[in-house]
Amino acid sequence: MSVDNPLADEGCMTVEANPHDGTVLLRELLAQPSLHVDTLTPIRDLDRPIRYVYPTELVDPSQYLSGEELILSIGVPVADQPDDSIRRYVETLSRRRVTALLVGLGDLFDEPPPALVRACLELDLPLLAQHAAVPFRRIVDWADSMRIADREVGTRERDLGSLLRWFVAGTLGVGPVETALTECGLADSPVAVCAFTADVHTRVHELVDRYRGRVALLDDRIVALCPQTEQFAAELTASDLVCGVAIAPDAGSMVYAIPEALEALREGIRWRRSVHIEEIATLDGLLAAVPKVRLVPFVHRLLVPLVDHDKLNNAYLVSSLEAFLAPGTDISTAAGQLYVHVNTLRNRLAKIAELTGANPLDETDRTNFRIALWAARNMGMGGGATAAEPGAKPVPRNVIQPSGGRAQL
């Protein structure tokens, strides 16, 4: 789990840092009837991205290309040129990872030179055509409008994700969430909260958009909000999408439904399918359903004193506690991971008991410490990394930042 991201998870994929970056797909260009674009060669991948539309008649535009451009040309580089010159032109575009070449017909030729078609076929560069009656400007304007609209969608997704994160963290009231759900058309019925990994962003949209749902970006996770219907549930289950699902009866319920969905996603990744929170018989699943107000005292009583002591004394109490409480770890193993003597770790555990009044060697108190650590890293009460023993093996846990005796977001 990311230390700075209490809603993230260990080992997660961040494939699309900014999926709505204004990129247009080749299939979208070909599907727009008003542009009158025809294909002159077979296209194996219609999902080729178009990041820029670049009209140019340069024989070698390499210095102006960065990849994934749609080149618009009336054919000056290839008109009345020998076959080897045409081949070099296509090789230049292919080498610069151009998405496609579109030639305007009717100005210099009514049909493209056979050598151009042949070179594009051999080098797998899609060759498109547009008749002279349709100006290139129409393609440029269309691409610009698509790019702006796509970036606006990305902005809305990030804004909704920030709002939900603040709400879960307890720094925002329910009012803005109610307003957001109303604007999304999701205010009058229970909402299915579905968490996904970032690498399926496009596929999530394909599903969610059919049900008029909304997508929110929470760092390296996607949270989709959809009307809770049998049809949506059946289609989600039938798909091969891996996700975690929880139900929010109303806006206020989002405060626990979102952590529940994220927790269910962790199990979904392990089981490679969609998982509902009700399926999870784990301590994490139980804690995800507990209101945050019930967990805050665990953090304040059991972790804040340790963090404050570590800040002043570099005592490594929190990292020692995390190592000691790690699954399948006894005191000798924990001491080995920390590269300290067993007696040193025993002394640190005794200091923890002195500061908190809870003994890490007692089974009940150990459970309470685990709850405190879970709350710190999963419910918006976590911040930066804990100081680690020099040379110690890293322990994959998150803790709170010291802040004058209070947990800090």
Protein backbone atom coordinates (compact mmCIF):
# COMPACT_ATOMS: atom_id res chain seq x y z
CA MET A 1 0.00 0.00 0.00
CA SER A 2 1.23 3.46 -0.83
CA VAL A 3 2.28 5.28 2.31
CA ASP A 4 0.88 8.55 1.06
CA ASN A 5 -2.29 6.91 -0.21
CA PRO A 6 -4.45 5.24 2.45
CA LEU A 7 -6.94 4.09 -0.18
CA ALA A 8 -4.32 2.34 -2.31
CA ASP A 9 -3.06 -1.22 -2.09
CA GLU A 10 0.19 -3.13 -2.26
CA GLY A 11 1.35 -4.38 -5.63
CA CYS A 12 -1.19 -2.35 -7.57
CA MET A 13 -0.85 -1.43 -11.22
CA THR A 14 -0.79 2.12 -12.40
CA VAL A 15 -1.11 1.71 -16.12
CA GLU A 16 -2.98 4.88 -16.98
CA ALA A 17 -1.76 7.76 -14.86
CA ASN A 18 -4.07 10.12 -16.75
CA PRO A 19 -6.38 8.09 -19.01
CA HIS A 20 -8.36 11.13 -20.18
CA ASP A 21 -5.42 12.95 -21.76
CA GLY A 22 -7.25 14.09 -24.89
CA THR A 23 -6.15 11.17 -27.04
CA VAL A 24 -8.46 10.28 -29.94
CA LEU A 25 -8.64 6.74 -31.32
CA LEU A 26 -8.36 5.91 -34.99
CA ARG A 27 -11.68 4.08 -34.84
CA GLU A 28 -13.38 7.28 -33.66
CA LEU A 29 -12.03 9.17 -36.65
CA LEU A 30 -13.27 6.52 -39.09
CA ALA A 31 -16.68 6.34 -37.40
CA GLN A 32 -17.34 10.08 -37.85
CA PRO A 33 -19.43 10.29 -41.06
CA SER A 34 -19.13 14.06 -41.42
CA LEU A 35 -15.37 13.74 -41.99
CA HIS A 36 -15.72 11.43 -45.02
CA VAL A 37 -12.49 9.55 -44.30
CA ASP A 38 -11.92 6.31 -46.24
CA THR A 39 -9.38 3.56 -45.63
CA LEU A 40 -7.02 2.64 -48.47
CA THR A 41 -5.17 -0.14 -46.62
CA PRO A 42 -6.33 -2.71 -44.05
CA ILE A 43 -6.00 -1.56 -40.44
CA ARG A 44 -5.10 -4.23 -37.92
CA ASP A 45 -5.49 -2.04 -34.83
CA LEU A 46 -8.36 0.43 -34.85
CA ASP A 47 -7.46 1.52 -31.32
CA ARG A 48 -4.30 3.28 -32.45
CA PRO A 49 -4.15 6.60 -30.58
CA ILE A 50 -4.08 9.99 -32.29
CA ARG A 51 -2.46 12.52 -29.99
CA TYR A 52 -1.88 15.23 -32.58
CA VAL A 53 -3.23 16.15 -36.03
CA TYR A 54 -0.39 17.55 -38.12
CA PRO A 55 -0.92 18.94 -41.65
CA THR A 56 2.43 18.97 -43.43
CA GLU A 57 3.90 18.64 -46.93
CA LEU A 58 7.47 18.12 -45.75
CA VAL A 59 9.29 15.17 -47.25
CA ASP A 60 10.99 14.60 -43.88
CA PRO A 61 8.98 16.05 -40.94
CA SER A 62 10.92 13.97 -38.39
CA GLN A 63 12.06 16.88 -36.25
CA TYR A 64 8.44 17.92 -35.70
CA LEU A 65 7.12 14.46 -34.80
CA SER A 66 6.93 12.92 -31.34
CA GLY A 67 4.81 9.87 -32.17
CA GLU A 68 1.11 9.01 -32.56
CA GLU A 69 0.35 11.83 -35.03
CA LEU A 70 -2.22 11.80 -37.80
CA ILE A 71 -0.41 13.28 -40.82
CA LEU A 72 -2.56 15.27 -43.26
CA SER A 73 -1.10 15.83 -46.75
CA ILE A 74 -2.42 16.63 -50.21
CA GLY A 75 0.41 14.46 -51.53
CA VAL A 76 3.30 16.81 -52.26
CA PRO A 77 5.95 14.41 -50.79
CA VAL A 78 4.83 11.55 -53.09
CA ALA A 79 3.40 13.19 -56.21
CA ASP A 80 5.45 12.34 -59.32
CA GLN A 81 8.16 10.78 -57.16
CA PRO A 82 10.07 7.54 -57.86
CA ASP A 83 9.10 4.47 -55.90
CA ASP A 84 12.21 4.51 -53.70
CA SER A 85 11.56 8.13 -52.66
CA ILE A 86 7.98 7.27 -51.74
CA ARG A 87 9.24 4.28 -49.76
CA ARG A 88 11.69 6.45 -47.82
CA TYR A 89 8.88 8.89 -47.00
CA VAL A 90 6.70 6.12 -45.57
CA GLU A 91 9.68 4.65 -43.69
CA THR A 92 10.29 8.04 -42.09
CA LEU A 93 6.70 8.27 -40.84
CA SER A 94 6.71 4.68 -39.64
CA ARG A 95 10.02 5.12 -37.82
CA ARG A 96 8.60 8.13 -36.00
CA ARG A 97 5.60 6.03 -34.88
CA VAL A 98 3.02 8.02 -36.82
CA THR A 99 -0.49 6.64 -36.27
CA ALA A 100 -1.76 7.11 -39.84
CA LEU A 101 -1.22 9.05 -43.07
CA LEU A 102 -4.26 10.76 -44.58
CA VAL A 103 -3.93 12.05 -48.16
CA GLY A 104 -6.33 14.52 -49.67
CA LEU A 105 -7.52 13.44 -53.11
CA GLY A 106 -8.32 15.81 -55.97
CA ASP A 107 -5.55 18.37 -55.65
CA LEU A 108 -2.47 16.59 -57.01
CA PHE A 109 -3.98 13.20 -57.87
CA ASP A 110 -7.35 11.46 -57.83
CA GLU A 111 -5.85 8.15 -56.72
CA PRO A 112 -2.74 7.70 -54.56
CA PRO A 113 0.40 6.37 -56.24
CA PRO A 114 0.51 2.55 -56.17
CA ALA A 115 3.97 2.76 -54.59
CA LEU A 116 2.48 4.67 -51.64
CA VAL A 117 -0.22 2.07 -51.07
CA ARG A 118 2.33 -0.71 -51.35
CA ALA A 119 4.79 0.89 -48.92
CA CYS A 120 2.06 1.59 -46.35
CA LEU A 121 0.91 -2.03 -46.59
CA GLU A 122 4.41 -3.41 -46.15
CA LEU A 123 5.26 -1.09 -43.23
CA ASP A 124 1.84 -1.39 -41.55
CA LEU A 125 1.14 2.35 -41.71
CA PRO A 126 -2.61 2.95 -42.11
CA LEU A 127 -3.30 4.94 -45.28
CA LEU A 128 -6.46 7.02 -45.31
CA ALA A 129 -8.03 9.27 -47.94
CA GLN A 130 -10.31 12.29 -47.97
CA HIS A 131 -11.82 13.96 -51.02
CA ALA A 132 -10.97 17.58 -51.82
CA ALA A 133 -14.50 18.80 -51.14
CA VAL A 134 -13.87 18.25 -47.42
CA PRO A 135 -11.24 20.61 -45.94
CA PHE A 136 -8.55 19.34 -43.59
CA ARG A 137 -9.67 22.02 -41.16
CA ARG A 138 -12.74 19.96 -40.39
CA ILE A 139 -10.58 17.10 -39.10
CA VAL A 140 -8.43 19.46 -37.03
CA ASP A 141 -11.50 21.08 -35.45
CA TRP A 142 -13.11 17.70 -34.76
CA ALA A 143 -9.97 16.37 -33.07
CA ASP A 144 -9.67 19.52 -30.94
CA SER A 145 -13.28 19.26 -29.78
CA MET A 146 -12.85 15.57 -28.94
CA ARG A 147 -9.67 16.33 -27.03
CA ILE A 148 -11.30 19.08 -24.97
CA ALA A 149 -14.33 16.93 -24.17
CA ASP A 150 -12.16 14.00 -23.11
CA ARG A 151 -10.06 16.15 -20.79
CA GLU A 152 -13.20 17.58 -19.24
CA VAL A 153 -14.31 14.04 -18.43
CA GLY A 154 -10.95 13.41 -16.78
CA THR A 155 -11.27 16.57 -14.71
CA ARG A 156 -14.73 15.54 -13.50
CA GLU A 157 -13.45 12.09 -12.55
CA ARG A 158 -10.55 13.50 -10.55
CA ASP A 159 -12.79 16.06 -8.84
CA LEU A 160 -15.32 13.40 -7.84
CA GLY A 161 -12.50 11.19 -6.59
CA SER A 162 -11.10 14.01 -4.44
CA LEU A 163 -14.52 14.73 -2.99
CA LEU A 164 -15.09 11.08 -2.07
CA ARG A 165 -11.60 10.77 -0.59
CA TRP A 166 -12.12 13.81 1.64
CA PHE A 167 -15.49 12.47 2.73
CA VAL A 168 -14.08 9.07 3.65
CA ALA A 169 -11.22 10.78 5.50
CA GLY A 170 -13.70 12.76 7.59
CA THR A 171 -12.58 16.19 6.35
CA LEU A 172 -15.76 16.85 4.37
CA GLY A 173 -19.42 16.67 5.34
CA VAL A 174 -22.09 14.69 3.53
CA GLY A 175 -23.65 17.73 1.81
CA PRO A 176 -21.23 17.93 -1.15
CA VAL A 177 -21.57 14.18 -1.66
CA GLU A 178 -25.35 14.46 -1.77
CA THR A 179 -25.04 17.27 -4.29
CA ALA A 180 -22.64 15.27 -6.45
CA LEU A 181 -24.90 12.22 -6.46
CA THR A 182 -27.86 14.40 -7.39
CA GLU A 183 -25.93 15.90 -10.31
CA CYS A 184 -25.03 12.37 -11.42
CA GLY A 185 -28.64 11.18 -11.19
CA LEU A 186 -27.77 8.74 -8.39
CA ALA A 187 -29.44 10.38 -5.39
CA ASP A 188 -32.78 8.60 -5.15
CA SER A 189 -31.80 4.94 -4.96
CA PRO A 190 -29.07 2.65 -3.60
CA VAL A 191 -25.76 2.88 -5.41
CA ALA A 192 -23.42 0.04 -6.31
CA VAL A 193 -19.90 1.16 -5.41
CA CYS A 194 -17.40 -0.78 -7.53
CA ALA A 195 -13.63 -0.52 -7.17
CA PHE A 196 -11.29 -1.47 -10.04
CA THR A 197 -7.59 -1.35 -10.80
CA ALA A 198 -6.44 1.50 -13.05
CA ASP A 199 -5.52 -0.67 -16.03
CA VAL A 200 -9.17 -1.35 -16.96
CA HIS A 201 -10.28 2.28 -17.14
CA THR A 202 -11.62 2.08 -20.69
CA ARG A 203 -13.46 -1.19 -20.06
CA VAL A 204 -15.03 0.21 -16.91
CA HIS A 205 -16.42 3.08 -18.95
CA GLU A 206 -17.84 0.66 -21.51
CA LEU A 207 -19.82 -1.02 -18.74
CA VAL A 208 -20.67 1.89 -16.47
CA ASP A 209 -21.69 4.31 -19.21
CA ARG A 210 -24.44 1.94 -20.36
CA TYR A 211 -26.06 2.29 -16.94
CA ARG A 212 -25.53 6.05 -16.65
CA GLY A 213 -23.08 5.60 -13.82
CA ARG A 214 -20.11 7.76 -12.92
CA VAL A 215 -16.40 7.07 -12.60
CA ALA A 216 -14.12 8.59 -9.97
CA LEU A 217 -10.32 8.41 -9.78
CA LEU A 218 -8.90 7.71 -6.33
CA ASP A 219 -5.17 7.72 -7.02
CA ASP A 220 -4.34 4.30 -8.52
CA ARG A 221 -7.86 2.96 -8.13
CA ILE A 222 -11.06 3.53 -10.07
CA VAL A 223 -14.34 3.76 -8.18
CA ALA A 224 -17.49 3.47 -10.27
CA LEU A 225 -20.90 4.52 -8.92
CA CYS A 226 -23.88 2.86 -10.63
CA PRO A 227 -27.57 2.40 -9.87
CA GLN A 228 -27.99 -0.87 -8.01
CA THR A 229 -29.99 -3.00 -10.43
CA GLU A 230 -30.17 -6.72 -11.09
CA GLN A 231 -29.21 -6.15 -14.70
CA PHE A 232 -26.04 -4.26 -13.80
CA ALA A 233 -25.09 -6.82 -11.15
CA ALA A 234 -25.60 -9.68 -13.61
CA GLU A 235 -23.53 -8.06 -16.34
CA LEU A 236 -20.72 -7.21 -13.92
CA THR A 237 -20.65 -10.77 -12.62
CA ALA A 238 -20.69 -12.21 -16.14
CA SER A 239 -17.76 -10.04 -17.22
CA ASP A 240 -14.14 -10.92 -16.54
CA LEU A 241 -13.54 -7.60 -14.79
CA VAL A 242 -11.90 -7.90 -11.39
CA CYS A 243 -13.55 -5.57 -8.91
CA GLY A 244 -14.75 -5.08 -5.37
CA VAL A 245 -18.39 -4.26 -4.74
CA ALA A 246 -20.25 -2.64 -1.86
CA ILE A 247 -23.69 -1.03 -1.64
CA ALA A 248 -24.38 2.52 -0.43
CA PRO A 249 -28.07 2.99 0.41
CA ASP A 250 -27.57 6.77 0.54
CA ALA A 251 -24.91 9.46 0.34
CA GLY A 252 -23.89 9.12 3.97
CA SER A 253 -23.24 5.42 3.50
CA MET A 254 -20.43 6.21 1.04
CA VAL A 255 -18.15 6.75 4.05
CA TYR A 256 -18.01 3.00 4.62
CA ALA A 257 -19.07 1.67 1.19
CA ILE A 258 -15.94 3.03 -0.53
CA PRO A 259 -13.46 1.43 1.93
CA GLU A 260 -15.55 -1.75 1.73
CA ALA A 261 -15.34 -1.81 -2.07
CA LEU A 262 -11.58 -1.22 -1.97
CA GLU A 263 -11.17 -3.99 0.58
CA ALA A 264 -13.29 -6.33 -1.56
CA LEU A 265 -11.09 -5.44 -4.54
CA ARG A 266 -8.04 -6.75 -2.68
CA GLU A 267 -9.77 -10.11 -2.40
CA GLY A 268 -10.99 -9.81 -5.99
CA ILE A 269 -7.41 -9.44 -7.19
CA ARG A 270 -6.49 -12.56 -5.27
CA TRP A 271 -9.53 -14.51 -6.50
CA ARG A 272 -9.44 -12.96 -10.01
CA ARG A 273 -13.12 -12.07 -10.12
CA SER A 274 -15.62 -9.57 -8.78
CA VAL A 275 -16.10 -9.87 -5.03
CA HIS A 276 -18.87 -8.40 -2.89
CA ILE A 277 -17.90 -7.17 0.54
CA GLU A 278 -20.38 -9.60 2.10
CA GLU A 279 -18.27 -12.49 0.81
CA ILE A 280 -15.26 -11.50 2.86
CA ALA A 281 -14.88 -13.23 6.20
CA THR A 282 -11.70 -11.43 7.27
CA LEU A 283 -10.74 -8.92 9.91
CA ASP A 284 -10.07 -6.37 7.16
CA GLY A 285 -13.53 -6.96 5.73
CA LEU A 286 -15.07 -6.51 9.17
CA LEU A 287 -13.15 -3.32 9.90
CA ALA A 288 -14.03 -1.83 6.52
CA ALA A 289 -17.68 -1.89 7.59
CA VAL A 290 -17.04 -0.20 10.95
CA PRO A 291 -17.80 3.56 11.08
CA LYS A 292 -14.63 5.59 11.24
CA VAL A 293 -15.67 7.28 14.47
CA ARG A 294 -15.40 3.89 16.22
CA LEU A 295 -11.82 3.40 15.02
CA VAL A 296 -10.33 6.84 15.63
CA PRO A 297 -9.84 6.18 19.39
CA PHE A 298 -7.68 3.14 18.61
CA VAL A 299 -5.34 5.35 16.59
CA HIS A 300 -5.24 8.16 19.13
CA ARG A 301 -4.67 5.86 22.13
CA LEU A 302 -2.34 3.27 20.65
CA LEU A 303 -0.40 4.92 17.82
CA VAL A 304 -0.18 8.67 18.39
CA PRO A 305 1.94 8.31 21.58
CA LEU A 306 4.36 6.04 19.71
CA VAL A 307 4.68 8.33 16.72
CA ASP A 308 5.28 11.35 18.92
CA HIS A 309 7.89 9.43 20.93
CA ASP A 310 9.63 8.29 17.74
CA LYS A 311 9.70 11.85 16.45
CA LEU A 312 11.56 13.07 19.53
CA ASN A 313 13.78 10.06 20.21
CA ASN A 314 14.24 8.09 16.96
CA ALA A 315 13.14 5.06 18.95
CA TYR A 316 11.61 3.14 16.01
CA LEU A 317 8.67 2.03 18.15
CA VAL A 318 6.07 2.05 15.37
CA SER A 319 8.24 0.18 12.87
CA SER A 320 9.11 -2.33 15.61
CA LEU A 321 5.42 -2.80 16.41
CA GLU A 322 4.60 -3.32 12.73
CA ALA A 323 7.35 -5.90 12.36
CA PHE A 324 6.23 -7.72 15.51
CA LEU A 325 2.58 -7.80 14.40
CA ALA A 326 3.31 -8.88 10.83
CA PRO A 327 1.51 -12.15 9.92
CA GLY A 328 3.43 -15.29 10.84
CA THR A 329 6.07 -13.37 12.77
CA ASP A 330 7.34 -14.10 16.29
CA ILE A 331 9.64 -11.90 18.34
CA SER A 332 12.82 -13.57 17.08
CA THR A 333 11.79 -13.27 13.43
CA ALA A 334 10.76 -9.64 13.94
CA ALA A 335 14.10 -8.85 15.60
CA GLY A 336 15.90 -10.45 12.67
CA GLN A 337 13.92 -8.36 10.16
CA LEU A 338 14.80 -5.23 12.12
CA TYR A 339 18.46 -6.28 12.48
CA VAL A 340 18.34 -5.79 16.25
CA HIS A 341 18.90 -8.11 19.20
CA VAL A 342 15.82 -9.83 20.61
CA ASN A 343 16.34 -8.02 23.93
CA THR A 344 16.36 -4.68 22.09
CA LEU A 345 12.99 -5.52 20.59
CA ARG A 346 11.70 -6.67 23.98
CA ASN A 347 12.73 -3.32 25.47
CA ARG A 348 10.91 -1.47 22.69
CA LEU A 349 7.76 -3.52 23.24
CA ALA A 350 7.99 -2.73 26.96
CA LYS A 351 8.27 0.98 26.11
CA ILE A 352 5.20 0.67 23.90
CA ALA A 353 3.31 -0.85 26.83
CA GLU A 354 4.50 1.97 29.09
CA LEU A 355 3.38 4.71 26.68
CA THR A 356 0.02 3.21 25.71
CA GLY A 357 -1.01 1.05 28.63
CA ALA A 358 -1.46 -1.83 26.19
CA ASN A 359 0.92 -4.80 26.09
CA PRO A 360 1.90 -6.01 22.58
CA LEU A 361 2.58 -9.44 24.10
CA ASP A 362 -1.03 -9.80 25.23
CA GLU A 363 -3.35 -11.35 22.62
CA THR A 364 -6.21 -8.91 23.19
CA ASP A 365 -3.92 -5.89 23.07
CA ARG A 366 -2.24 -7.25 19.94
CA THR A 367 -5.65 -7.29 18.25
CA ASN A 368 -6.24 -3.70 19.33
CA PHE A 369 -2.88 -2.63 17.91
CA ARG A 370 -3.71 -4.34 14.61
CA ILE A 371 -7.01 -2.47 14.48
CA ALA A 372 -5.22 0.82 15.11
CA LEU A 373 -2.69 0.16 12.34
CA TRP A 374 -5.45 -0.89 9.93
CA ALA A 375 -7.43 2.28 10.63
CA ALA A 376 -4.34 4.45 10.16
CA ARG A 377 -3.58 3.10 6.72
CA ASN A 378 -7.10 2.47 5.36
CA MET A 379 -9.37 5.24 6.60
CA GLY A 380 -7.60 8.45 5.72
CA MET A 381 -5.70 8.80 9.00
CA GLY A 382 -2.30 7.99 7.46
CA GLY A 383 0.36 10.24 6.05
CA GLY A 384 4.08 9.87 5.52
CA ALA A 385 6.39 6.96 6.17
CA THR A 386 7.56 5.84 9.59
CA ALA A 387 11.25 6.06 10.37
CA ALA A 388 12.82 2.65 9.80
CA GLU A 389 15.74 1.06 11.60
CA PRO A 390 18.92 1.64 9.53
CA GLY A 391 19.55 -1.49 7.48
CA ALA A 392 16.26 -3.09 8.49
CA LYS A 393 14.16 -4.97 5.98
CA PRO A 394 11.16 -2.90 4.85
CA VAL A 395 7.85 -3.81 6.44
CA PRO A 396 4.90 -3.17 4.06
CA ARG A 397 2.77 -1.14 6.45
CA ASN A 398 1.55 2.45 6.71
CA VAL A 399 1.38 4.57 9.85
CA ILE A 400 0.28 8.01 10.91
CA GLN A 401 2.31 11.15 11.01
CA PRO A 402 2.97 12.88 14.36
CA SER A 403 0.93 16.04 14.80
CA GLY A 404 0.76 17.28 18.36
CA GLY A 405 -1.01 14.21 19.69
CA ARG A 406 -3.60 14.00 16.88
CA ALA A 407 -3.72 11.73 13.83
CA GLN A 408 -2.92 13.66 10.69
CA LEU A 409 -4.46 13.06 7.24
